[in-house]
Amino acid sequence: MAAEDIPTGRFICEYTGEIISEEEAIKREDDYSLNCADETMACYMYFFQHAKKVMCVDATSPEKAPGYGRLINHSRKGGNLETVKHIVDKEPHLIFISKRNIKKGEEFSYDVSFIYYLLY
């Protein structure tokens, strides 16, 4: 939730986690669903394309993904954030940027249809 009014184009946070291959991500998703002791555990995976390969940020473990990015809700109504792939030392990082002015108290969300743009 926005603590203050935020202008368009402002960096909000990074979607942090372990960067893994698509194959490893699919395996982990299966493992998470099979080994979930209760229904309160959530799986936080963000798939994207990098260097002509599908990759994934696994933000399921809070120890490996200490940021707030994994807690931002996705929306099918456009959202107020956009995901940008940012390269640092040849490594991809997914960051959230405000795509419009956001009012204080407004909940952050990102458009899940944009994920398909990152993939294809």
PDB file of N, CA and C in Angstrom:
ATOM      1  N   MET A   1       0.839  -1.164   0.000  1.00  0.00           N
ATOM      2  CA  MET A   1       0.000   0.000   0.000  1.00  0.00           C
ATOM      3  C   MET A   1       0.895   1.241   0.000  1.00  0.00           C
ATOM      4  N   ALA A   2       0.516   2.211  -0.784  1.00  0.00           N
ATOM      5  CA  ALA A   2       1.321   3.421  -0.916  1.00  0.00           C
ATOM      6  C   ALA A   2       1.264   4.256   0.364  1.00  0.00           C
ATOM      7  N   ALA A   3       2.427   4.565   0.907  1.00  0.00           N
ATOM      8  CA  ALA A   3       2.522   5.375   2.123  1.00  0.00           C
ATOM      9  C   ALA A   3       2.440   6.874   1.813  1.00  0.00           C
ATOM     10  N   GLU A   4       2.556   7.207   0.532  1.00  0.00           N
ATOM     11  CA  GLU A   4       2.497   8.600   0.091  1.00  0.00           C
ATOM     12  C   GLU A   4       2.060   8.604  -1.361  1.00  0.00           C
ATOM     13  N   ASP A   5       1.725   9.773  -1.891  1.00  0.00           N
ATOM     14  CA  ASP A   5       1.430   9.881  -3.315  1.00  0.00           C
ATOM     15  C   ASP A   5       2.701   9.554  -4.092  1.00  0.00           C
ATOM     16  N   ILE A   6       2.552   8.764  -5.158  1.00  0.00           N
ATOM     17  CA  ILE A   6       3.708   8.309  -5.936  1.00  0.00           C
ATOM     18  C   ILE A   6       3.508   8.711  -7.397  1.00  0.00           C
ATOM     19  N   PRO A   7       4.500   9.379  -7.991  1.00  0.00           N
ATOM     20  CA  PRO A   7       4.366   9.771  -9.396  1.00  0.00           C
ATOM     21  C   PRO A   7       4.644   8.600 -10.344  1.00  0.00           C
ATOM     22  N   THR A   8       4.211   8.746 -11.569  1.00  0.00           N
ATOM     23  CA  THR A   8       4.475   7.765 -12.621  1.00  0.00           C
ATOM     24  C   THR A   8       5.982   7.576 -12.782  1.00  0.00           C
ATOM     25  N   GLY A   9       6.409   6.319 -12.976  1.00  0.00           N
ATOM     26  CA  GLY A   9       7.808   6.025 -13.258  1.00  0.00           C
ATOM     27  C   GLY A   9       8.698   5.818 -12.053  1.00  0.00           C
ATOM     28  N   ARG A  10       8.133   5.817 -10.862  1.00  0.00           N
ATOM     29  CA  ARG A  10       8.935   5.649  -9.639  1.00  0.00           C
ATOM     30  C   ARG A  10       9.207   4.174  -9.380  1.00  0.00           C
ATOM     31  N   PHE A  11      10.460   3.857  -9.025  1.00  0.00           N
ATOM     32  CA  PHE A  11      10.831   2.513  -8.590  1.00  0.00           C
ATOM     33  C   PHE A  11      10.094   2.211  -7.282  1.00  0.00           C
ATOM     34  N   ILE A  12       9.459   1.036  -7.214  1.00  0.00           N
ATOM     35  CA  ILE A  12       8.730   0.652  -6.003  1.00  0.00           C
ATOM     36  C   ILE A  12       9.536  -0.388  -5.224  1.00  0.00           C
ATOM     37  N   CYS A  13       9.890  -1.488  -5.873  1.00  0.00           N
ATOM     38  CA  CYS A  13      10.696  -2.517  -5.217  1.00  0.00           C
ATOM     39  C   CYS A  13      11.118  -3.558  -6.253  1.00  0.00           C
ATOM     40  N   GLU A  14      11.975  -4.467  -5.825  1.00  0.00           N
ATOM     41  CA  GLU A  14      12.399  -5.583  -6.666  1.00  0.00           C
ATOM     42  C   GLU A  14      11.638  -6.840  -6.249  1.00  0.00           C
ATOM     43  N   TYR A  15      11.333  -7.681  -7.222  1.00  0.00           N
ATOM     44  CA  TYR A  15      10.774  -8.997  -6.936  1.00  0.00           C
ATOM     45  C   TYR A  15      11.979  -9.905  -6.683  1.00  0.00           C
ATOM     46  N   THR A  16      12.368 -10.033  -5.429  1.00  0.00           N
ATOM     47  CA  THR A  16      13.590 -10.764  -5.089  1.00  0.00           C
ATOM     48  C   THR A  16      13.313 -12.240  -4.890  1.00  0.00           C
ATOM     49  N   GLY A  17      14.346 -13.030  -5.078  1.00  0.00           N
ATOM     50  CA  GLY A  17      14.254 -14.475  -4.891  1.00  0.00           C
ATOM     51  C   GLY A  17      15.392 -15.153  -5.623  1.00  0.00           C
ATOM     52  N   GLU A  18      15.287 -16.450  -5.679  1.00  0.00           N
ATOM     53  CA  GLU A  18      16.305 -17.249  -6.351  1.00  0.00           C
ATOM     54  C   GLU A  18      15.956 -17.377  -7.825  1.00  0.00           C
ATOM     55  N   ILE A  19      16.884 -17.030  -8.706  1.00  0.00           N
ATOM     56  CA  ILE A  19      16.650 -17.148 -10.144  1.00  0.00           C
ATOM     57  C   ILE A  19      16.983 -18.573 -10.566  1.00  0.00           C
ATOM     58  N   ILE A  20      15.985 -19.245 -11.134  1.00  0.00           N
ATOM     59  CA  ILE A  20      16.130 -20.651 -11.508  1.00  0.00           C
ATOM     60  C   ILE A  20      15.601 -20.872 -12.931  1.00  0.00           C
ATOM     61  N   SER A  21      15.902 -22.037 -13.480  1.00  0.00           N
ATOM     62  CA  SER A  21      15.437 -22.391 -14.820  1.00  0.00           C
ATOM     63  C   SER A  21      13.942 -22.725 -14.792  1.00  0.00           C
ATOM     64  N   GLU A  22      13.336 -22.716 -15.964  1.00  0.00           N
ATOM     65  CA  GLU A  22      11.922 -23.087 -16.074  1.00  0.00           C
ATOM     66  C   GLU A  22      11.699 -24.514 -15.579  1.00  0.00           C
ATOM     67  N   GLU A  23      12.603 -25.414 -15.935  1.00  0.00           N
ATOM     68  CA  GLU A  23      12.466 -26.816 -15.526  1.00  0.00           C
ATOM     69  C   GLU A  23      12.498 -26.959 -14.006  1.00  0.00           C
ATOM     70  N   GLU A  24      13.450 -26.270 -13.364  1.00  0.00           N
ATOM     71  CA  GLU A  24      13.542 -26.317 -11.908  1.00  0.00           C
ATOM     72  C   GLU A  24      12.306 -25.695 -11.271  1.00  0.00           C
ATOM     73  N   ALA A  25      11.791 -24.630 -11.859  1.00  0.00           N
ATOM     74  CA  ALA A  25      10.602 -23.968 -11.316  1.00  0.00           C
ATOM     75  C   ALA A  25       9.390 -24.898 -11.351  1.00  0.00           C
ATOM     76  N   ILE A  26       9.204 -25.602 -12.437  1.00  0.00           N
ATOM     77  CA  ILE A  26       8.079 -26.537 -12.548  1.00  0.00           C
ATOM     78  C   ILE A  26       8.214 -27.650 -11.520  1.00  0.00           C
ATOM     79  N   LYS A  27       9.426 -28.150 -11.344  1.00  0.00           N
ATOM     80  CA  LYS A  27       9.666 -29.190 -10.336  1.00  0.00           C
ATOM     81  C   LYS A  27       9.344 -28.670  -8.936  1.00  0.00           C
ATOM     82  N   ARG A  28       9.811 -27.464  -8.646  1.00  0.00           N
ATOM     83  CA  ARG A  28       9.565 -26.891  -7.322  1.00  0.00           C
ATOM     84  C   ARG A  28       8.080 -26.635  -7.085  1.00  0.00           C
ATOM     85  N   GLU A  29       7.384 -26.163  -8.116  1.00  0.00           N
ATOM     86  CA  GLU A  29       5.941 -25.943  -7.955  1.00  0.00           C
ATOM     87  C   GLU A  29       5.246 -27.245  -7.562  1.00  0.00           C
ATOM     88  N   ASP A  30       5.626 -28.328  -8.222  1.00  0.00           N
ATOM     89  CA  ASP A  30       5.061 -29.640  -7.881  1.00  0.00           C
ATOM     90  C   ASP A  30       5.429 -30.033  -6.454  1.00  0.00           C
ATOM     91  N   ASP A  31       6.700 -29.837  -6.089  1.00  0.00           N
ATOM     92  CA  ASP A  31       7.155 -30.166  -4.728  1.00  0.00           C
ATOM     93  C   ASP A  31       6.417 -29.337  -3.687  1.00  0.00           C
ATOM     94  N   TYR A  32       6.263 -28.046  -3.954  1.00  0.00           N
ATOM     95  CA  TYR A  32       5.572 -27.183  -2.996  1.00  0.00           C
ATOM     96  C   TYR A  32       4.135 -27.644  -2.780  1.00  0.00           C
ATOM     97  N   SER A  33       3.454 -28.000  -3.859  1.00  0.00           N
ATOM     98  CA  SER A  33       2.053 -28.409  -3.720  1.00  0.00           C
ATOM     99  C   SER A  33       1.928 -29.764  -3.030  1.00  0.00           C
ATOM    100  N   LEU A  34       2.893 -30.661  -3.250  1.00  0.00           N
ATOM    101  CA  LEU A  34       2.845 -31.984  -2.618  1.00  0.00           C
ATOM    102  C   LEU A  34       3.276 -31.954  -1.161  1.00  0.00           C
ATOM    103  N   ASN A  35       4.230 -31.105  -0.832  1.00  0.00           N
ATOM    104  CA  ASN A  35       4.808 -31.093   0.510  1.00  0.00           C
ATOM    105  C   ASN A  35       4.242 -30.019   1.426  1.00  0.00           C
ATOM    106  N   CYS A  36       3.218 -29.350   0.963  1.00  0.00           N
ATOM    107  CA  CYS A  36       2.621 -28.285   1.774  1.00  0.00           C
ATOM    108  C   CYS A  36       1.896 -28.913   2.960  1.00  0.00           C
ATOM    109  N   ALA A  37       2.359 -28.599   4.165  1.00  0.00           N
ATOM    110  CA  ALA A  37       1.775 -29.174   5.381  1.00  0.00           C
ATOM    111  C   ALA A  37       0.378 -28.633   5.642  1.00  0.00           C
ATOM    112  N   ASP A  38       0.143 -27.416   5.245  1.00  0.00           N
ATOM    113  CA  ASP A  38      -1.184 -26.841   5.416  1.00  0.00           C
ATOM    114  C   ASP A  38      -1.474 -25.917   4.234  1.00  0.00           C
ATOM    115  N   GLU A  39      -2.661 -25.405   4.173  1.00  0.00           N
ATOM    116  CA  GLU A  39      -3.064 -24.597   3.029  1.00  0.00           C
ATOM    117  C   GLU A  39      -2.679 -23.123   3.162  1.00  0.00           C
ATOM    118  N   THR A  40      -1.942 -22.779   4.215  1.00  0.00           N
ATOM    119  CA  THR A  40      -1.552 -21.383   4.385  1.00  0.00           C
ATOM    120  C   THR A  40      -0.270 -21.043   3.626  1.00  0.00           C
ATOM    121  N   MET A  41       0.476 -22.058   3.205  1.00  0.00           N
ATOM    122  CA  MET A  41       1.705 -21.802   2.443  1.00  0.00           C
ATOM    123  C   MET A  41       1.346 -21.405   1.015  1.00  0.00           C
ATOM    124  N   ALA A  42       2.010 -20.398   0.522  1.00  0.00           N
ATOM    125  CA  ALA A  42       1.793 -19.959  -0.845  1.00  0.00           C
ATOM    126  C   ALA A  42       3.078 -20.141  -1.646  1.00  0.00           C
ATOM    127  N   CYS A  43       2.909 -20.313  -2.930  1.00  0.00           N
ATOM    128  CA  CYS A  43       4.034 -20.461  -3.854  1.00  0.00           C
ATOM    129  C   CYS A  43       4.163 -19.141  -4.617  1.00  0.00           C
ATOM    130  N   TYR A  44       5.335 -18.535  -4.585  1.00  0.00           N
ATOM    131  CA  TYR A  44       5.567 -17.261  -5.248  1.00  0.00           C
ATOM    132  C   TYR A  44       6.596 -17.453  -6.359  1.00  0.00           C
ATOM    133  N   MET A  45       6.122 -17.590  -7.574  1.00  0.00           N
ATOM    134  CA  MET A  45       6.982 -17.792  -8.742  1.00  0.00           C
ATOM    135  C   MET A  45       6.654 -16.726  -9.780  1.00  0.00           C
ATOM    136  N   TYR A  46       7.693 -16.161 -10.371  1.00  0.00           N
ATOM    137  CA  TYR A  46       7.502 -15.166 -11.430  1.00  0.00           C
ATOM    138  C   TYR A  46       8.352 -15.605 -12.620  1.00  0.00           C
ATOM    139  N   PHE A  47       7.682 -16.034 -13.682  1.00  0.00           N
ATOM    140  CA  PHE A  47       8.368 -16.495 -14.889  1.00  0.00           C
ATOM    141  C   PHE A  47       8.629 -15.310 -15.817  1.00  0.00           C
ATOM    142  N   PHE A  48       9.783 -15.339 -16.487  1.00  0.00           N
ATOM    143  CA  PHE A  48      10.145 -14.285 -17.430  1.00  0.00           C
ATOM    144  C   PHE A  48      11.156 -14.849 -18.417  1.00  0.00           C
ATOM    145  N   GLN A  49      11.401 -14.109 -19.491  1.00  0.00           N
ATOM    146  CA  GLN A  49      12.377 -14.555 -20.493  1.00  0.00           C
ATOM    147  C   GLN A  49      13.652 -13.743 -20.362  1.00  0.00           C
ATOM    148  N   HIS A  50      14.782 -14.455 -20.446  1.00  0.00           N
ATOM    149  CA  HIS A  50      16.091 -13.801 -20.410  1.00  0.00           C
ATOM    150  C   HIS A  50      17.047 -14.618 -21.261  1.00  0.00           C
ATOM    151  N   ALA A  51      17.759 -13.952 -22.145  1.00  0.00           N
ATOM    152  CA  ALA A  51      18.735 -14.608 -23.026  1.00  0.00           C
ATOM    153  C   ALA A  51      18.103 -15.780 -23.775  1.00  0.00           C
ATOM    154  N   LYS A  52      16.884 -15.540 -24.273  1.00  0.00           N
ATOM    155  CA  LYS A  52      16.143 -16.521 -25.072  1.00  0.00           C
ATOM    156  C   LYS A  52      15.759 -17.787 -24.305  1.00  0.00           C
ATOM    157  N   LYS A  53      15.767 -17.694 -22.969  1.00  0.00           N
ATOM    158  CA  LYS A  53      15.347 -18.823 -22.132  1.00  0.00           C
ATOM    159  C   LYS A  53      14.289 -18.334 -21.159  1.00  0.00           C
ATOM    160  N   VAL A  54      13.361 -19.231 -20.825  1.00  0.00           N
ATOM    161  CA  VAL A  54      12.390 -18.914 -19.786  1.00  0.00           C
ATOM    162  C   VAL A  54      13.059 -19.172 -18.446  1.00  0.00           C
ATOM    163  N   MET A  55      13.012 -18.179 -17.595  1.00  0.00           N
ATOM    164  CA  MET A  55      13.605 -18.248 -16.260  1.00  0.00           C
ATOM    165  C   MET A  55      12.490 -17.993 -15.245  1.00  0.00           C
ATOM    166  N   CYS A  56      12.837 -18.119 -13.980  1.00  0.00           N
ATOM    167  CA  CYS A  56      11.852 -17.895 -12.937  1.00  0.00           C
ATOM    168  C   CYS A  56      12.533 -17.320 -11.703  1.00  0.00           C
ATOM    169  N   VAL A  57      11.864 -16.384 -11.062  1.00  0.00           N
ATOM    170  CA  VAL A  57      12.289 -15.927  -9.747  1.00  0.00           C
ATOM    171  C   VAL A  57      11.416 -16.684  -8.748  1.00  0.00           C
ATOM    172  N   ASP A  58      12.051 -17.533  -7.945  1.00  0.00           N
ATOM    173  CA  ASP A  58      11.333 -18.264  -6.902  1.00  0.00           C
ATOM    174  C   ASP A  58      11.449 -17.451  -5.620  1.00  0.00           C
ATOM    175  N   ALA A  59      10.340 -16.844  -5.229  1.00  0.00           N
ATOM    176  CA  ALA A  59      10.311 -16.005  -4.030  1.00  0.00           C
ATOM    177  C   ALA A  59       9.517 -16.667  -2.908  1.00  0.00           C
ATOM    178  N   THR A  60       9.380 -17.984  -2.979  1.00  0.00           N
ATOM    179  CA  THR A  60       8.572 -18.712  -2.003  1.00  0.00           C
ATOM    180  C   THR A  60       9.172 -18.652  -0.601  1.00  0.00           C
ATOM    181  N   SER A  61      10.481 -18.789  -0.494  1.00  0.00           N
ATOM    182  CA  SER A  61      11.145 -18.793   0.806  1.00  0.00           C
ATOM    183  C   SER A  61      11.446 -17.366   1.262  1.00  0.00           C
ATOM    184  N   PRO A  62      10.877 -16.929   2.400  1.00  0.00           N
ATOM    185  CA  PRO A  62      11.174 -15.574   2.882  1.00  0.00           C
ATOM    186  C   PRO A  62      12.658 -15.360   3.185  1.00  0.00           C
ATOM    187  N   GLU A  63      13.375 -16.426   3.505  1.00  0.00           N
ATOM    188  CA  GLU A  63      14.810 -16.303   3.779  1.00  0.00           C
ATOM    189  C   GLU A  63      15.593 -15.960   2.513  1.00  0.00           C
ATOM    190  N   LYS A  64      15.141 -16.496   1.374  1.00  0.00           N
ATOM    191  CA  LYS A  64      15.825 -16.239   0.111  1.00  0.00           C
ATOM    192  C   LYS A  64      15.222 -15.055  -0.640  1.00  0.00           C
ATOM    193  N   ALA A  65      14.043 -14.624  -0.209  1.00  0.00           N
ATOM    194  CA  ALA A  65      13.351 -13.518  -0.864  1.00  0.00           C
ATOM    195  C   ALA A  65      12.812 -12.570   0.207  1.00  0.00           C
ATOM    196  N   PRO A  66      13.710 -11.798   0.831  1.00  0.00           N
ATOM    197  CA  PRO A  66      13.292 -10.982   1.969  1.00  0.00           C
ATOM    198  C   PRO A  66      12.484  -9.727   1.623  1.00  0.00           C
ATOM    199  N   GLY A  67      12.344  -9.409   0.358  1.00  0.00           N
ATOM    200  CA  GLY A  67      11.672  -8.165  -0.020  1.00  0.00           C
ATOM    201  C   GLY A  67      10.155  -8.260  -0.016  1.00  0.00           C
ATOM    202  N   TYR A  68       9.541  -7.141  -0.361  1.00  0.00           N
ATOM    203  CA  TYR A  68       8.088  -7.036  -0.380  1.00  0.00           C
ATOM    204  C   TYR A  68       7.475  -7.389  -1.733  1.00  0.00           C
ATOM    205  N   GLY A  69       8.291  -7.511  -2.766  1.00  0.00           N
ATOM    206  CA  GLY A  69       7.777  -7.741  -4.109  1.00  0.00           C
ATOM    207  C   GLY A  69       6.863  -8.943  -4.221  1.00  0.00           C
ATOM    208  N   ARG A  70       7.192 -10.000  -3.515  1.00  0.00           N
ATOM    209  CA  ARG A  70       6.386 -11.223  -3.595  1.00  0.00           C
ATOM    210  C   ARG A  70       5.010 -11.054  -2.980  1.00  0.00           C
ATOM    211  N   LEU A  71       4.826  -9.997  -2.193  1.00  0.00           N
ATOM    212  CA  LEU A  71       3.551  -9.776  -1.521  1.00  0.00           C
ATOM    213  C   LEU A  71       2.613  -8.848  -2.293  1.00  0.00           C
ATOM    214  N   ILE A  72       3.094  -8.310  -3.408  1.00  0.00           N
ATOM    215  CA  ILE A  72       2.245  -7.435  -4.222  1.00  0.00           C
ATOM    216  C   ILE A  72       1.252  -8.286  -4.997  1.00  0.00           C
ATOM    217  N   ASN A  73      -0.004  -7.887  -4.949  1.00  0.00           N
ATOM    218  CA  ASN A  73      -1.066  -8.643  -5.618  1.00  0.00           C
ATOM    219  C   ASN A  73      -1.022  -8.454  -7.127  1.00  0.00           C
ATOM    220  N   HIS A  74      -1.441  -9.487  -7.825  1.00  0.00           N
ATOM    221  CA  HIS A  74      -1.575  -9.356  -9.274  1.00  0.00           C
ATOM    222  C   HIS A  74      -3.036  -9.044  -9.589  1.00  0.00           C
ATOM    223  N   SER A  75      -3.226  -8.452 -10.755  1.00  0.00           N
ATOM    224  CA  SER A  75      -4.542  -7.992 -11.152  1.00  0.00           C
ATOM    225  C   SER A  75      -4.762  -8.296 -12.623  1.00  0.00           C
ATOM    226  N   ARG A  76      -6.001  -8.514 -12.980  1.00  0.00           N
ATOM    227  CA  ARG A  76      -6.336  -8.663 -14.401  1.00  0.00           C
ATOM    228  C   ARG A  76      -6.984  -7.399 -14.927  1.00  0.00           C
ATOM    229  N   LYS A  77      -6.969  -6.363 -14.117  1.00  0.00           N
ATOM    230  CA  LYS A  77      -7.593  -5.100 -14.493  1.00  0.00           C
ATOM    231  C   LYS A  77      -6.552  -4.019 -14.754  1.00  0.00           C
ATOM    232  N   GLY A  78      -5.347  -4.405 -15.035  1.00  0.00           N
ATOM    233  CA  GLY A  78      -4.325  -3.438 -15.399  1.00  0.00           C
ATOM    234  C   GLY A  78      -3.294  -3.147 -14.330  1.00  0.00           C
ATOM    235  N   GLY A  79      -3.685  -3.097 -13.086  1.00  0.00           N
ATOM    236  CA  GLY A  79      -2.737  -2.807 -12.027  1.00  0.00           C
ATOM    237  C   GLY A  79      -2.168  -1.404 -12.129  1.00  0.00           C
ATOM    238  N   ASN A  80      -1.427  -0.989 -11.113  1.00  0.00           N
ATOM    239  CA  ASN A  80      -0.809   0.333 -11.121  1.00  0.00           C
ATOM    240  C   ASN A  80       0.717   0.259 -11.199  1.00  0.00           C
ATOM    241  N   LEU A  81       1.243  -0.967 -11.280  1.00  0.00           N
ATOM    242  CA  LEU A  81       2.684  -1.166 -11.424  1.00  0.00           C
ATOM    243  C   LEU A  81       2.971  -1.927 -12.713  1.00  0.00           C
ATOM    244  N   GLU A  82       4.149  -1.713 -13.250  1.00  0.00           N
ATOM    245  CA  GLU A  82       4.602  -2.529 -14.372  1.00  0.00           C
ATOM    246  C   GLU A  82       5.903  -3.199 -13.970  1.00  0.00           C
ATOM    247  N   THR A  83       6.131  -4.366 -14.530  1.00  0.00           N
ATOM    248  CA  THR A  83       7.355  -5.118 -14.269  1.00  0.00           C
ATOM    249  C   THR A  83       8.368  -4.783 -15.343  1.00  0.00           C
ATOM    250  N   VAL A  84       9.578  -4.494 -14.903  1.00  0.00           N
ATOM    251  CA  VAL A  84      10.663  -4.182 -15.829  1.00  0.00           C
ATOM    252  C   VAL A  84      11.829  -5.105 -15.517  1.00  0.00           C
ATOM    253  N   LYS A  85      12.366  -5.728 -16.556  1.00  0.00           N
ATOM    254  CA  LYS A  85      13.574  -6.541 -16.376  1.00  0.00           C
ATOM    255  C   LYS A  85      14.767  -5.605 -16.434  1.00  0.00           C
ATOM    256  N   HIS A  86      15.551  -5.608 -15.376  1.00  0.00           N
ATOM    257  CA  HIS A  86      16.700  -4.709 -15.248  1.00  0.00           C
ATOM    258  C   HIS A  86      17.947  -5.586 -15.093  1.00  0.00           C
ATOM    259  N   ILE A  87      18.962  -5.355 -15.898  1.00  0.00           N
ATOM    260  CA  ILE A  87      20.175  -6.173 -15.871  1.00  0.00           C
ATOM    261  C   ILE A  87      21.241  -5.487 -15.012  1.00  0.00           C
ATOM    262  N   VAL A  88      21.766  -6.219 -14.034  1.00  0.00           N
ATOM    263  CA  VAL A  88      22.836  -5.736 -13.165  1.00  0.00           C
ATOM    264  C   VAL A  88      23.941  -6.788 -13.178  1.00  0.00           C
ATOM    265  N   ASP A  89      25.135  -6.421 -13.588  1.00  0.00           N
ATOM    266  CA  ASP A  89      26.261  -7.355 -13.692  1.00  0.00           C
ATOM    267  C   ASP A  89      25.880  -8.617 -14.467  1.00  0.00           C
ATOM    268  N   LYS A  90      25.180  -8.417 -15.589  1.00  0.00           N
ATOM    269  CA  LYS A  90      24.753  -9.482 -16.496  1.00  0.00           C
ATOM    270  C   LYS A  90      23.688 -10.407 -15.910  1.00  0.00           C
ATOM    271  N   GLU A  91      23.154 -10.063 -14.757  1.00  0.00           N
ATOM    272  CA  GLU A  91      22.108 -10.869 -14.116  1.00  0.00           C
ATOM    273  C   GLU A  91      20.781 -10.116 -14.179  1.00  0.00           C
ATOM    274  N   PRO A  92      19.693 -10.838 -14.524  1.00  0.00           N
ATOM    275  CA  PRO A  92      18.386 -10.182 -14.584  1.00  0.00           C
ATOM    276  C   PRO A  92      17.787  -9.950 -13.193  1.00  0.00           C
ATOM    277  N   HIS A  93      17.132  -8.820 -13.063  1.00  0.00           N
ATOM    278  CA  HIS A  93      16.382  -8.482 -11.851  1.00  0.00           C
ATOM    279  C   HIS A  93      15.030  -7.968 -12.312  1.00  0.00           C
ATOM    280  N   LEU A  94      13.956  -8.400 -11.671  1.00  0.00           N
ATOM    281  CA  LEU A  94      12.629  -7.904 -11.985  1.00  0.00           C
ATOM    282  C   LEU A  94      12.270  -6.825 -10.967  1.00  0.00           C
ATOM    283  N   ILE A  95      11.929  -5.658 -11.491  1.00  0.00           N
ATOM    284  CA  ILE A  95      11.577  -4.554 -10.610  1.00  0.00           C
ATOM    285  C   ILE A  95      10.181  -4.052 -10.956  1.00  0.00           C
ATOM    286  N   PHE A  96       9.525  -3.478  -9.962  1.00  0.00           N
ATOM    287  CA  PHE A  96       8.219  -2.876 -10.158  1.00  0.00           C
ATOM    288  C   PHE A  96       8.376  -1.359 -10.200  1.00  0.00           C
ATOM    289  N   ILE A  97       7.748  -0.750 -11.223  1.00  0.00           N
ATOM    290  CA  ILE A  97       7.750   0.686 -11.446  1.00  0.00           C
ATOM    291  C   ILE A  97       6.293   1.150 -11.492  1.00  0.00           C
ATOM    292  N   SER A  98       6.006   2.304 -10.926  1.00  0.00           N
ATOM    293  CA  SER A  98       4.632   2.826 -11.011  1.00  0.00           C
ATOM    294  C   SER A  98       4.338   3.211 -12.455  1.00  0.00           C
ATOM    295  N   LYS A  99       3.225   2.713 -12.985  1.00  0.00           N
ATOM    296  CA  LYS A  99       2.908   3.015 -14.383  1.00  0.00           C
ATOM    297  C   LYS A  99       1.927   4.176 -14.521  1.00  0.00           C
ATOM    298  N   ARG A 100       1.499   4.694 -13.387  1.00  0.00           N
ATOM    299  CA  ARG A 100       0.661   5.881 -13.350  1.00  0.00           C
ATOM    300  C   ARG A 100       0.810   6.500 -11.961  1.00  0.00           C
ATOM    301  N   ASN A 101       0.246   7.669 -11.768  1.00  0.00           N
ATOM    302  CA  ASN A 101       0.256   8.267 -10.443  1.00  0.00           C
ATOM    303  C   ASN A 101      -0.549   7.379  -9.498  1.00  0.00           C
ATOM    304  N   ILE A 102      -0.012   7.149  -8.311  1.00  0.00           N
ATOM    305  CA  ILE A 102      -0.666   6.300  -7.314  1.00  0.00           C
ATOM    306  C   ILE A 102      -0.935   7.162  -6.084  1.00  0.00           C
ATOM    307  N   LYS A 103      -2.165   7.112  -5.598  1.00  0.00           N
ATOM    308  CA  LYS A 103      -2.556   7.912  -4.438  1.00  0.00           C
ATOM    309  C   LYS A 103      -2.143   7.229  -3.137  1.00  0.00           C
ATOM    310  N   LYS A 104      -1.849   8.033  -2.131  1.00  0.00           N
ATOM    311  CA  LYS A 104      -1.554   7.527  -0.793  1.00  0.00           C
ATOM    312  C   LYS A 104      -2.699   6.607  -0.348  1.00  0.00           C
ATOM    313  N   GLY A 105      -2.332   5.433   0.185  1.00  0.00           N
ATOM    314  CA  GLY A 105      -3.329   4.475   0.665  1.00  0.00           C
ATOM    315  C   GLY A 105      -3.807   3.483  -0.388  1.00  0.00           C
ATOM    316  N   GLU A 106      -3.446   3.700  -1.653  1.00  0.00           N
ATOM    317  CA  GLU A 106      -3.858   2.798  -2.730  1.00  0.00           C
ATOM    318  C   GLU A 106      -3.023   1.521  -2.682  1.00  0.00           C
ATOM    319  N   GLU A 107      -3.676   0.392  -2.885  1.00  0.00           N
ATOM    320  CA  GLU A 107      -2.972  -0.890  -2.884  1.00  0.00           C
ATOM    321  C   GLU A 107      -2.183  -1.053  -4.182  1.00  0.00           C
ATOM    322  N   PHE A 108      -0.968  -1.601  -4.075  1.00  0.00           N
ATOM    323  CA  PHE A 108      -0.162  -1.889  -5.255  1.00  0.00           C
ATOM    324  C   PHE A 108      -0.657  -3.174  -5.918  1.00  0.00           C
ATOM    325  N   SER A 109      -0.603  -3.199  -7.248  1.00  0.00           N
ATOM    326  CA  SER A 109      -0.904  -4.428  -7.990  1.00  0.00           C
ATOM    327  C   SER A 109      -0.237  -4.336  -9.356  1.00  0.00           C
ATOM    328  N   TYR A 110      -0.010  -5.503  -9.942  1.00  0.00           N
ATOM    329  CA  TYR A 110       0.580  -5.533 -11.282  1.00  0.00           C
ATOM    330  C   TYR A 110      -0.261  -6.408 -12.191  1.00  0.00           C
ATOM    331  N   ASP A 111      -0.185  -6.126 -13.466  1.00  0.00           N
ATOM    332  CA  ASP A 111      -0.997  -6.791 -14.478  1.00  0.00           C
ATOM    333  C   ASP A 111      -0.377  -8.135 -14.840  1.00  0.00           C
ATOM    334  N   VAL A 112      -1.094  -9.226 -14.568  1.00  0.00           N
ATOM    335  CA  VAL A 112      -0.546 -10.551 -14.863  1.00  0.00           C
ATOM    336  C   VAL A 112      -0.447 -10.813 -16.354  1.00  0.00           C
ATOM    337  N   SER A 113      -1.218 -10.113 -17.157  1.00  0.00           N
ATOM    338  CA  SER A 113      -1.090 -10.329 -18.611  1.00  0.00           C
ATOM    339  C   SER A 113       0.266  -9.866 -19.110  1.00  0.00           C
ATOM    340  N   PHE A 114       0.928  -8.970 -18.371  1.00  0.00           N
ATOM    341  CA  PHE A 114       2.259  -8.502 -18.754  1.00  0.00           C
ATOM    342  C   PHE A 114       3.283  -9.623 -18.639  1.00  0.00           C
ATOM    343  N   ILE A 115       3.026 -10.601 -17.776  1.00  0.00           N
ATOM    344  CA  ILE A 115       3.927 -11.736 -17.635  1.00  0.00           C
ATOM    345  C   ILE A 115       4.096 -12.443 -18.972  1.00  0.00           C
ATOM    346  N   TYR A 116       3.000 -12.572 -19.704  1.00  0.00           N
ATOM    347  CA  TYR A 116       3.080 -13.232 -21.013  1.00  0.00           C
ATOM    348  C   TYR A 116       3.935 -12.429 -21.982  1.00  0.00           C
ATOM    349  N   TYR A 117       3.903 -11.112 -21.847  1.00  0.00           N
ATOM    350  CA  TYR A 117       4.768 -10.265 -22.667  1.00  0.00           C
ATOM    351  C   TYR A 117       6.235 -10.533 -22.323  1.00  0.00           C
ATOM    352  N   LEU A 118       6.541 -10.703 -21.056  1.00  0.00           N
ATOM    353  CA  LEU A 118       7.926 -10.997 -20.660  1.00  0.00           C
ATOM    354  C   LEU A 118       8.367 -12.366 -21.162  1.00  0.00           C
ATOM    355  N   LEU A 119       7.408 -13.276 -21.341  1.00  0.00           N
ATOM    356  CA  LEU A 119       7.757 -14.629 -21.770  1.00  0.00           C
ATOM    357  C   LEU A 119       7.874 -14.758 -23.276  1.00  0.00           C
ATOM    358  N   TYR A 120       7.041 -14.057 -24.020  1.00  0.00           N
ATOM    359  CA  TYR A 120       6.989 -14.313 -25.461  1.00  0.00           C
ATOM    360  C   TYR A 120       7.245 -13.118 -26.292  1.00  0.00           C
TER     361      TYR A 120
END
